[in-house]
Amino acid sequence: KPGEFGLVAMNRLGQDTMAYLLRAYDPFRGVRIMLQIVRSTTVIAQMNLALPLTVDNFEGLASVPSANGRTRFYLMSDDNGSSAQRTLLLAFDWQPK
């Protein structure tokens, strides 16, 4: 993982495949989110979220396989009682190659 990112959640997708939700923050760039799909030790897919896209303090990750071979990922955040954060649920579909 890139040094400025910390691991906030992970989800097993298969015998040798994992999804990792990583988050970074600094006052100049704000929150940055990275979802990595790793098979064995190789990153096979990656999604990056940063401003102006919807980003927040994401700390939850879930996945649901579908019959058509896709996987739906859910990224979750809560506001932690702070007016500077939001409670969000985002969904993304991923189609393996």
PDB file of N, CA and C in Angstrom:
ATOM      1  N   LYS A   1       0.839  -1.183   0.000  1.00  0.00           N
ATOM      2  CA  LYS A   1       0.000   0.000   0.000  1.00  0.00           C
ATOM      3  C   LYS A   1       0.875   1.235   0.000  1.00  0.00           C
ATOM      4  N   PRO A   2       0.384   2.308  -0.588  1.00  0.00           N
ATOM      5  CA  PRO A   2       1.147   3.558  -0.517  1.00  0.00           C
ATOM      6  C   PRO A   2       1.306   4.000   0.944  1.00  0.00           C
ATOM      7  N   GLY A   3       2.454   4.572   1.279  1.00  0.00           N
ATOM      8  CA  GLY A   3       2.799   4.895   2.649  1.00  0.00           C
ATOM      9  C   GLY A   3       1.822   5.790   3.380  1.00  0.00           C
ATOM     10  N   GLU A   4       1.198   6.738   2.681  1.00  0.00           N
ATOM     11  CA  GLU A   4       0.299   7.665   3.359  1.00  0.00           C
ATOM     12  C   GLU A   4      -1.083   7.067   3.638  1.00  0.00           C
ATOM     13  N   PHE A   5      -1.365   5.891   3.105  1.00  0.00           N
ATOM     14  CA  PHE A   5      -2.664   5.235   3.294  1.00  0.00           C
ATOM     15  C   PHE A   5      -2.606   4.252   4.449  1.00  0.00           C
ATOM     16  N   GLY A   6      -3.715   4.167   5.177  1.00  0.00           N
ATOM     17  CA  GLY A   6      -3.863   3.184   6.232  1.00  0.00           C
ATOM     18  C   GLY A   6      -4.992   2.227   5.886  1.00  0.00           C
ATOM     19  N   LEU A   7      -4.876   1.002   6.327  1.00  0.00           N
ATOM     20  CA  LEU A   7      -5.902  -0.006   6.106  1.00  0.00           C
ATOM     21  C   LEU A   7      -7.059   0.250   7.067  1.00  0.00           C
ATOM     22  N   VAL A   8      -8.295   0.357   6.515  1.00  0.00           N
ATOM     23  CA  VAL A   8      -9.466   0.570   7.376  1.00  0.00           C
ATOM     24  C   VAL A   8     -10.444  -0.595   7.332  1.00  0.00           C
ATOM     25  N   ALA A   9     -10.399  -1.407   6.281  1.00  0.00           N
ATOM     26  CA  ALA A   9     -11.295  -2.576   6.205  1.00  0.00           C
ATOM     27  C   ALA A   9     -10.770  -3.517   5.135  1.00  0.00           C
ATOM     28  N   MET A  10     -11.172  -4.796   5.259  1.00  0.00           N
ATOM     29  CA  MET A  10     -10.834  -5.774   4.225  1.00  0.00           C
ATOM     30  C   MET A  10     -11.936  -6.810   4.143  1.00  0.00           C
ATOM     31  N   ASN A  11     -12.000  -7.471   2.989  1.00  0.00           N
ATOM     32  CA  ASN A  11     -13.063  -8.428   2.736  1.00  0.00           C
ATOM     33  C   ASN A  11     -12.509  -9.524   1.845  1.00  0.00           C
ATOM     34  N   ARG A  12     -12.715 -10.783   2.233  1.00  0.00           N
ATOM     35  CA  ARG A  12     -12.259 -11.912   1.409  1.00  0.00           C
ATOM     36  C   ARG A  12     -13.251 -12.119   0.268  1.00  0.00           C
ATOM     37  N   LEU A  13     -12.717 -12.192  -0.965  1.00  0.00           N
ATOM     38  CA  LEU A  13     -13.549 -12.396  -2.149  1.00  0.00           C
ATOM     39  C   LEU A  13     -13.494 -13.826  -2.645  1.00  0.00           C
ATOM     40  N   GLY A  14     -12.439 -14.519  -2.355  1.00  0.00           N
ATOM     41  CA  GLY A  14     -12.252 -15.893  -2.811  1.00  0.00           C
ATOM     42  C   GLY A  14     -11.057 -16.483  -2.095  1.00  0.00           C
ATOM     43  N   GLN A  15     -10.710 -17.683  -2.490  1.00  0.00           N
ATOM     44  CA  GLN A  15      -9.619 -18.399  -1.818  1.00  0.00           C
ATOM     45  C   GLN A  15      -8.340 -17.576  -1.748  1.00  0.00           C
ATOM     46  N   ASP A  16      -7.961 -16.914  -2.849  1.00  0.00           N
ATOM     47  CA  ASP A  16      -6.709 -16.164  -2.870  1.00  0.00           C
ATOM     48  C   ASP A  16      -6.900 -14.701  -3.242  1.00  0.00           C
ATOM     49  N   THR A  17      -8.124 -14.164  -3.095  1.00  0.00           N
ATOM     50  CA  THR A  17      -8.417 -12.796  -3.501  1.00  0.00           C
ATOM     51  C   THR A  17      -9.033 -12.021  -2.339  1.00  0.00           C
ATOM     52  N   MET A  18      -8.497 -10.821  -2.113  1.00  0.00           N
ATOM     53  CA  MET A  18      -8.952  -9.956  -1.029  1.00  0.00           C
ATOM     54  C   MET A  18      -9.251  -8.560  -1.575  1.00  0.00           C
ATOM     55  N   ALA A  19     -10.176  -7.877  -0.911  1.00  0.00           N
ATOM     56  CA  ALA A  19     -10.437  -6.462  -1.178  1.00  0.00           C
ATOM     57  C   ALA A  19      -9.972  -5.683   0.047  1.00  0.00           C
ATOM     58  N   TYR A  20      -9.236  -4.607  -0.193  1.00  0.00           N
ATOM     59  CA  TYR A  20      -8.717  -3.768   0.880  1.00  0.00           C
ATOM     60  C   TYR A  20      -9.226  -2.340   0.701  1.00  0.00           C
ATOM     61  N   LEU A  21      -9.783  -1.773   1.755  1.00  0.00           N
ATOM     62  CA  LEU A  21     -10.210  -0.385   1.753  1.00  0.00           C
ATOM     63  C   LEU A  21      -9.164   0.416   2.516  1.00  0.00           C
ATOM     64  N   LEU A  22      -8.557   1.377   1.822  1.00  0.00           N
ATOM     65  CA  LEU A  22      -7.478   2.179   2.384  1.00  0.00           C
ATOM     66  C   LEU A  22      -7.911   3.642   2.412  1.00  0.00           C
ATOM     67  N   ARG A  23      -7.422   4.384   3.403  1.00  0.00           N
ATOM     68  CA  ARG A  23      -7.812   5.787   3.525  1.00  0.00           C
ATOM     69  C   ARG A  23      -6.589   6.616   3.891  1.00  0.00           C
ATOM     70  N   ALA A  24      -6.529   7.820   3.318  1.00  0.00           N
ATOM     71  CA  ALA A  24      -5.470   8.783   3.636  1.00  0.00           C
ATOM     72  C   ALA A  24      -6.111  10.152   3.825  1.00  0.00           C
ATOM     73  N   TYR A  25      -5.441  10.988   4.613  1.00  0.00           N
ATOM     74  CA  TYR A  25      -5.920  12.352   4.816  1.00  0.00           C
ATOM     75  C   TYR A  25      -4.732  13.274   5.054  1.00  0.00           C
ATOM     76  N   ASP A  26      -4.802  14.431   4.427  1.00  0.00           N
ATOM     77  CA  ASP A  26      -3.939  15.539   4.802  1.00  0.00           C
ATOM     78  C   ASP A  26      -4.723  16.819   4.520  1.00  0.00           C
ATOM     79  N   PRO A  27      -4.375  17.922   5.179  1.00  0.00           N
ATOM     80  CA  PRO A  27      -5.182  19.131   5.058  1.00  0.00           C
ATOM     81  C   PRO A  27      -5.171  19.756   3.672  1.00  0.00           C
ATOM     82  N   PHE A  28      -4.201  19.444   2.848  1.00  0.00           N
ATOM     83  CA  PHE A  28      -4.117  20.045   1.516  1.00  0.00           C
ATOM     84  C   PHE A  28      -4.959  19.288   0.493  1.00  0.00           C
ATOM     85  N   ARG A  29      -4.913  17.955   0.534  1.00  0.00           N
ATOM     86  CA  ARG A  29      -5.662  17.140  -0.433  1.00  0.00           C
ATOM     87  C   ARG A  29      -6.959  16.604   0.139  1.00  0.00           C
ATOM     88  N   GLY A  30      -7.133  16.632   1.448  1.00  0.00           N
ATOM     89  CA  GLY A  30      -8.342  16.118   2.082  1.00  0.00           C
ATOM     90  C   GLY A  30      -8.308  14.600   2.162  1.00  0.00           C
ATOM     91  N   VAL A  31      -9.496  14.014   2.241  1.00  0.00           N
ATOM     92  CA  VAL A  31      -9.634  12.553   2.350  1.00  0.00           C
ATOM     93  C   VAL A  31      -9.438  11.919   0.979  1.00  0.00           C
ATOM     94  N   ARG A  32      -8.714  10.817   0.952  1.00  0.00           N
ATOM     95  CA  ARG A  32      -8.553  10.011  -0.256  1.00  0.00           C
ATOM     96  C   ARG A  32      -8.829   8.570   0.110  1.00  0.00           C
ATOM     97  N   ILE A  33      -9.560   7.897  -0.752  1.00  0.00           N
ATOM     98  CA  ILE A  33      -9.969   6.514  -0.538  1.00  0.00           C
ATOM     99  C   ILE A  33      -9.427   5.661  -1.681  1.00  0.00           C
ATOM    100  N   MET A  34      -8.964   4.470  -1.345  1.00  0.00           N
ATOM    101  CA  MET A  34      -8.490   3.523  -2.360  1.00  0.00           C
ATOM    102  C   MET A  34      -9.091   2.157  -2.040  1.00  0.00           C
ATOM    103  N   LEU A  35      -9.707   1.546  -3.046  1.00  0.00           N
ATOM    104  CA  LEU A  35     -10.187   0.166  -2.944  1.00  0.00           C
ATOM    105  C   LEU A  35      -9.297  -0.670  -3.843  1.00  0.00           C
ATOM    106  N   GLN A  36      -8.568  -1.610  -3.252  1.00  0.00           N
ATOM    107  CA  GLN A  36      -7.684  -2.486  -4.018  1.00  0.00           C
ATOM    108  C   GLN A  36      -8.207  -3.910  -3.975  1.00  0.00           C
ATOM    109  N   ILE A  37      -8.166  -4.575  -5.138  1.00  0.00           N
ATOM    110  CA  ILE A  37      -8.465  -5.997  -5.236  1.00  0.00           C
ATOM    111  C   ILE A  37      -7.123  -6.683  -5.471  1.00  0.00           C
ATOM    112  N   VAL A  38      -6.776  -7.596  -4.567  1.00  0.00           N
ATOM    113  CA  VAL A  38      -5.461  -8.236  -4.618  1.00  0.00           C
ATOM    114  C   VAL A  38      -5.647  -9.744  -4.711  1.00  0.00           C
ATOM    115  N   ARG A  39      -5.020 -10.335  -5.732  1.00  0.00           N
ATOM    116  CA  ARG A  39      -4.996 -11.796  -5.875  1.00  0.00           C
ATOM    117  C   ARG A  39      -3.582 -12.257  -5.563  1.00  0.00           C
ATOM    118  N   SER A  40      -3.479 -13.123  -4.575  1.00  0.00           N
ATOM    119  CA  SER A  40      -2.176 -13.542  -4.030  1.00  0.00           C
ATOM    120  C   SER A  40      -1.454 -12.293  -3.545  1.00  0.00           C
ATOM    121  N   THR A  41      -0.458 -11.821  -4.270  1.00  0.00           N
ATOM    122  CA  THR A  41       0.241 -10.594  -3.882  1.00  0.00           C
ATOM    123  C   THR A  41       0.183  -9.527  -4.975  1.00  0.00           C
ATOM    124  N   THR A  42      -0.683  -9.725  -5.983  1.00  0.00           N
ATOM    125  CA  THR A  42      -0.755  -8.814  -7.122  1.00  0.00           C
ATOM    126  C   THR A  42      -2.045  -7.999  -7.087  1.00  0.00           C
ATOM    127  N   VAL A  43      -1.926  -6.676  -7.211  1.00  0.00           N
ATOM    128  CA  VAL A  43      -3.098  -5.814  -7.324  1.00  0.00           C
ATOM    129  C   VAL A  43      -3.674  -6.009  -8.720  1.00  0.00           C
ATOM    130  N   ILE A  44      -4.920  -6.517  -8.797  1.00  0.00           N
ATOM    131  CA  ILE A  44      -5.535  -6.776 -10.100  1.00  0.00           C
ATOM    132  C   ILE A  44      -6.552  -5.708 -10.477  1.00  0.00           C
ATOM    133  N   ALA A  45      -6.981  -4.900  -9.511  1.00  0.00           N
ATOM    134  CA  ALA A  45      -7.889  -3.787  -9.794  1.00  0.00           C
ATOM    135  C   ALA A  45      -7.758  -2.774  -8.671  1.00  0.00           C
ATOM    136  N   GLN A  46      -7.990  -1.519  -9.024  1.00  0.00           N
ATOM    137  CA  GLN A  46      -7.903  -0.462  -8.018  1.00  0.00           C
ATOM    138  C   GLN A  46      -8.848   0.668  -8.395  1.00  0.00           C
ATOM    139  N   MET A  47      -9.550   1.191  -7.406  1.00  0.00           N
ATOM    140  CA  MET A  47     -10.416   2.350  -7.587  1.00  0.00           C
ATOM    141  C   MET A  47      -9.967   3.408  -6.594  1.00  0.00           C
ATOM    142  N   ASN A  48      -9.804   4.640  -7.092  1.00  0.00           N
ATOM    143  CA  ASN A  48      -9.393   5.756  -6.248  1.00  0.00           C
ATOM    144  C   ASN A  48     -10.506   6.790  -6.199  1.00  0.00           C
ATOM    145  N   LEU A  49     -10.806   7.261  -5.001  1.00  0.00           N
ATOM    146  CA  LEU A  49     -11.788   8.322  -4.808  1.00  0.00           C
ATOM    147  C   LEU A  49     -11.107   9.488  -4.111  1.00  0.00           C
ATOM    148  N   ALA A  50     -11.246  10.677  -4.669  1.00  0.00           N
ATOM    149  CA  ALA A  50     -10.716  11.897  -4.068  1.00  0.00           C
ATOM    150  C   ALA A  50     -11.609  13.042  -4.530  1.00  0.00           C
ATOM    151  N   LEU A  51     -11.514  14.174  -3.852  1.00  0.00           N
ATOM    152  CA  LEU A  51     -12.298  15.341  -4.259  1.00  0.00           C
ATOM    153  C   LEU A  51     -12.037  15.640  -5.725  1.00  0.00           C
ATOM    154  N   PRO A  52     -13.034  15.998  -6.497  1.00  0.00           N
ATOM    155  CA  PRO A  52     -14.376  16.434  -6.135  1.00  0.00           C
ATOM    156  C   PRO A  52     -15.395  15.291  -6.026  1.00  0.00           C
ATOM    157  N   LEU A  53     -14.956  14.037  -6.093  1.00  0.00           N
ATOM    158  CA  LEU A  53     -15.878  12.916  -5.923  1.00  0.00           C
ATOM    159  C   LEU A  53     -16.341  12.845  -4.470  1.00  0.00           C
ATOM    160  N   THR A  54     -17.354  12.044  -4.212  1.00  0.00           N
ATOM    161  CA  THR A  54     -17.864  11.873  -2.852  1.00  0.00           C
ATOM    162  C   THR A  54     -16.860  11.077  -2.031  1.00  0.00           C
ATOM    163  N   VAL A  55     -16.298  11.715  -1.027  1.00  0.00           N
ATOM    164  CA  VAL A  55     -15.369  11.063  -0.112  1.00  0.00           C
ATOM    165  C   VAL A  55     -15.738  11.443   1.318  1.00  0.00           C
ATOM    166  N   ASP A  56     -15.389  10.593   2.234  1.00  0.00           N
ATOM    167  CA  ASP A  56     -15.604  10.853   3.653  1.00  0.00           C
ATOM    168  C   ASP A  56     -14.767   9.853   4.431  1.00  0.00           C
ATOM    169  N   ASN A  57     -15.062   9.714   5.688  1.00  0.00           N
ATOM    170  CA  ASN A  57     -14.320   8.845   6.592  1.00  0.00           C
ATOM    171  C   ASN A  57     -14.803   7.399   6.444  1.00  0.00           C
ATOM    172  N   PHE A  58     -14.652   6.822   5.238  1.00  0.00           N
ATOM    173  CA  PHE A  58     -15.115   5.458   5.003  1.00  0.00           C
ATOM    174  C   PHE A  58     -14.332   4.487   5.873  1.00  0.00           C
ATOM    175  N   GLU A  59     -15.062   3.584   6.531  1.00  0.00           N
ATOM    176  CA  GLU A  59     -14.405   2.622   7.405  1.00  0.00           C
ATOM    177  C   GLU A  59     -15.071   1.256   7.370  1.00  0.00           C
ATOM    178  N   GLY A  60     -16.031   1.081   6.478  1.00  0.00           N
ATOM    179  CA  GLY A  60     -16.692  -0.212   6.341  1.00  0.00           C
ATOM    180  C   GLY A  60     -16.668  -0.668   4.891  1.00  0.00           C
ATOM    181  N   LEU A  61     -16.517  -1.974   4.693  1.00  0.00           N
ATOM    182  CA  LEU A  61     -16.461  -2.562   3.352  1.00  0.00           C
ATOM    183  C   LEU A  61     -17.197  -3.892   3.379  1.00  0.00           C
ATOM    184  N   ALA A  62     -18.083  -4.074   2.413  1.00  0.00           N
ATOM    185  CA  ALA A  62     -18.776  -5.351   2.245  1.00  0.00           C
ATOM    186  C   ALA A  62     -18.845  -5.639   0.754  1.00  0.00           C
ATOM    187  N   SER A  63     -19.011  -6.910   0.402  1.00  0.00           N
ATOM    188  CA  SER A  63     -19.131  -7.280  -1.009  1.00  0.00           C
ATOM    189  C   SER A  63     -20.174  -8.377  -1.156  1.00  0.00           C
ATOM    190  N   VAL A  64     -20.834  -8.346  -2.315  1.00  0.00           N
ATOM    191  CA  VAL A  64     -21.855  -9.345  -2.628  1.00  0.00           C
ATOM    192  C   VAL A  64     -21.624  -9.800  -4.064  1.00  0.00           C
ATOM    193  N   PRO A  65     -21.351 -11.091  -4.279  1.00  0.00           N
ATOM    194  CA  PRO A  65     -21.194 -11.582  -5.653  1.00  0.00           C
ATOM    195  C   PRO A  65     -22.558 -11.692  -6.328  1.00  0.00           C
ATOM    196  N   SER A  66     -22.562 -11.496  -7.647  1.00  0.00           N
ATOM    197  CA  SER A  66     -23.809 -11.658  -8.389  1.00  0.00           C
ATOM    198  C   SER A  66     -23.679 -12.815  -9.368  1.00  0.00           C
ATOM    199  N   ALA A  67     -24.800 -13.243  -9.905  1.00  0.00           N
ATOM    200  CA  ALA A  67     -24.821 -14.398 -10.807  1.00  0.00           C
ATOM    201  C   ALA A  67     -24.084 -14.120 -12.108  1.00  0.00           C
ATOM    202  N   ASN A  68     -23.970 -12.848 -12.508  1.00  0.00           N
ATOM    203  CA  ASN A  68     -23.321 -12.519 -13.782  1.00  0.00           C
ATOM    204  C   ASN A  68     -21.805 -12.366 -13.661  1.00  0.00           C
ATOM    205  N   GLY A  69     -21.237 -12.724 -12.509  1.00  0.00           N
ATOM    206  CA  GLY A  69     -19.794 -12.675 -12.324  1.00  0.00           C
ATOM    207  C   GLY A  69     -19.285 -11.376 -11.742  1.00  0.00           C
ATOM    208  N   ARG A  70     -20.138 -10.399 -11.614  1.00  0.00           N
ATOM    209  CA  ARG A  70     -19.738  -9.130 -11.009  1.00  0.00           C
ATOM    210  C   ARG A  70     -19.760  -9.236  -9.490  1.00  0.00           C
ATOM    211  N   THR A  71     -19.095  -8.288  -8.871  1.00  0.00           N
ATOM    212  CA  THR A  71     -19.136  -8.143  -7.421  1.00  0.00           C
ATOM    213  C   THR A  71     -19.580  -6.732  -7.111  1.00  0.00           C
ATOM    214  N   ARG A  72     -20.556  -6.592  -6.227  1.00  0.00           N
ATOM    215  CA  ARG A  72     -20.975  -5.262  -5.774  1.00  0.00           C
ATOM    216  C   ARG A  72     -20.281  -4.981  -4.447  1.00  0.00           C
ATOM    217  N   PHE A  73     -19.581  -3.857  -4.415  1.00  0.00           N
ATOM    218  CA  PHE A  73     -18.914  -3.407  -3.208  1.00  0.00           C
ATOM    219  C   PHE A  73     -19.724  -2.302  -2.554  1.00  0.00           C
ATOM    220  N   TYR A  74     -19.813  -2.362  -1.251  1.00  0.00           N
ATOM    221  CA  TYR A  74     -20.454  -1.322  -0.459  1.00  0.00           C
ATOM    222  C   TYR A  74     -19.391  -0.687   0.424  1.00  0.00           C
ATOM    223  N   LEU A  75     -19.271   0.641   0.340  1.00  0.00           N
ATOM    224  CA  LEU A  75     -18.376   1.408   1.195  1.00  0.00           C
ATOM    225  C   LEU A  75     -19.243   2.212   2.147  1.00  0.00           C
ATOM    226  N   MET A  76     -18.925   2.156   3.441  1.00  0.00           N
ATOM    227  CA  MET A  76     -19.764   2.799   4.449  1.00  0.00           C
ATOM    228  C   MET A  76     -18.946   3.745   5.311  1.00  0.00           C
ATOM    229  N   SER A  77     -19.575   4.872   5.649  1.00  0.00           N
ATOM    230  CA  SER A  77     -18.991   5.809   6.606  1.00  0.00           C
ATOM    231  C   SER A  77     -20.081   6.237   7.574  1.00  0.00           C
ATOM    232  N   ASP A  78     -19.671   6.697   8.744  1.00  0.00           N
ATOM    233  CA  ASP A  78     -20.645   7.297   9.653  1.00  0.00           C
ATOM    234  C   ASP A  78     -20.095   8.648  10.096  1.00  0.00           C
ATOM    235  N   ASP A  79     -20.972   9.475  10.620  1.00  0.00           N
ATOM    236  CA  ASP A  79     -20.563  10.839  10.938  1.00  0.00           C
ATOM    237  C   ASP A  79     -19.821  10.958  12.271  1.00  0.00           C
ATOM    238  N   ASN A  80     -19.739   9.876  13.034  1.00  0.00           N
ATOM    239  CA  ASN A  80     -19.028   9.892  14.319  1.00  0.00           C
ATOM    240  C   ASN A  80     -19.469  11.048  15.212  1.00  0.00           C
ATOM    241  N   GLY A  81     -20.706  11.499  15.047  1.00  0.00           N
ATOM    242  CA  GLY A  81     -21.221  12.601  15.854  1.00  0.00           C
ATOM    243  C   GLY A  81     -20.604  13.943  15.509  1.00  0.00           C
ATOM    244  N   SER A  82     -19.969  14.027  14.347  1.00  0.00           N
ATOM    245  CA  SER A  82     -19.270  15.251  13.934  1.00  0.00           C
ATOM    246  C   SER A  82     -20.009  15.925  12.784  1.00  0.00           C
ATOM    247  N   SER A  83     -20.148  17.228  12.848  1.00  0.00           N
ATOM    248  CA  SER A  83     -20.788  17.954  11.744  1.00  0.00           C
ATOM    249  C   SER A  83     -19.879  18.029  10.522  1.00  0.00           C
ATOM    250  N   ALA A  84     -18.609  17.674  10.667  1.00  0.00           N
ATOM    251  CA  ALA A  84     -17.663  17.692   9.547  1.00  0.00           C
ATOM    252  C   ALA A  84     -17.676  16.392   8.753  1.00  0.00           C
ATOM    253  N   GLN A  85     -18.399  15.367   9.246  1.00  0.00           N
ATOM    254  CA  GLN A  85     -18.455  14.081   8.556  1.00  0.00           C
ATOM    255  C   GLN A  85     -19.900  13.740   8.226  1.00  0.00           C
ATOM    256  N   ARG A  86     -20.062  12.733   7.353  1.00  0.00           N
ATOM    257  CA  ARG A  86     -21.398  12.318   6.924  1.00  0.00           C
ATOM    258  C   ARG A  86     -21.552  10.809   7.078  1.00  0.00           C
ATOM    259  N   THR A  87     -22.799  10.373   7.126  1.00  0.00           N
ATOM    260  CA  THR A  87     -23.108   8.950   7.085  1.00  0.00           C
ATOM    261  C   THR A  87     -23.464   8.634   5.635  1.00  0.00           C
ATOM    262  N   LEU A  88     -22.663   7.768   5.013  1.00  0.00           N
ATOM    263  CA  LEU A  88     -22.830   7.469   3.586  1.00  0.00           C
ATOM    264  C   LEU A  88     -22.767   5.965   3.345  1.00  0.00           C
ATOM    265  N   LEU A  89     -23.470   5.547   2.311  1.00  0.00           N
ATOM    266  CA  LEU A  89     -23.372   4.184   1.794  1.00  0.00           C
ATOM    267  C   LEU A  89     -23.232   4.314   0.281  1.00  0.00           C
ATOM    268  N   LEU A  90     -22.089   3.912  -0.249  1.00  0.00           N
ATOM    269  CA  LEU A  90     -21.841   3.939  -1.685  1.00  0.00           C
ATOM    270  C   LEU A  90     -21.755   2.511  -2.201  1.00  0.00           C
ATOM    271  N   ALA A  91     -22.231   2.291  -3.414  1.00  0.00           N
ATOM    272  CA  ALA A  91     -22.157   0.964  -4.033  1.00  0.00           C
ATOM    273  C   ALA A  91     -21.470   1.088  -5.388  1.00  0.00           C
ATOM    274  N   PHE A  92     -20.587   0.135  -5.668  1.00  0.00           N
ATOM    275  CA  PHE A  92     -19.860   0.077  -6.928  1.00  0.00           C
ATOM    276  C   PHE A  92     -19.855  -1.363  -7.416  1.00  0.00           C
ATOM    277  N   ASP A  93     -20.062  -1.558  -8.708  1.00  0.00           N
ATOM    278  CA  ASP A  93     -20.000  -2.887  -9.296  1.00  0.00           C
ATOM    279  C   ASP A  93     -18.647  -3.062  -9.981  1.00  0.00           C
ATOM    280  N   TRP A  94     -18.054  -4.243  -9.799  1.00  0.00           N
ATOM    281  CA  TRP A  94     -16.770  -4.572 -10.397  1.00  0.00           C
ATOM    282  C   TRP A  94     -16.926  -5.859 -11.193  1.00  0.00           C
ATOM    283  N   GLN A  95     -16.427  -5.826 -12.429  1.00  0.00           N
ATOM    284  CA  GLN A  95     -16.436  -6.996 -13.305  1.00  0.00           C
ATOM    285  C   GLN A  95     -15.011  -7.471 -13.488  1.00  0.00           C
ATOM    286  N   PRO A  96     -14.635  -8.621 -12.914  1.00  0.00           N
ATOM    287  CA  PRO A  96     -13.259  -9.120 -13.121  1.00  0.00           C
ATOM    288  C   PRO A  96     -12.990  -9.403 -14.598  1.00  0.00           C
ATOM    289  N   LYS A  97     -11.745  -9.267 -14.982  1.00  0.00           N
ATOM    290  CA  LYS A  97     -11.355  -9.544 -16.381  1.00  0.00           C
ATOM    291  C   LYS A  97     -11.242 -11.031 -16.598  1.00  0.00           C
TER     292      LYS A  97
END
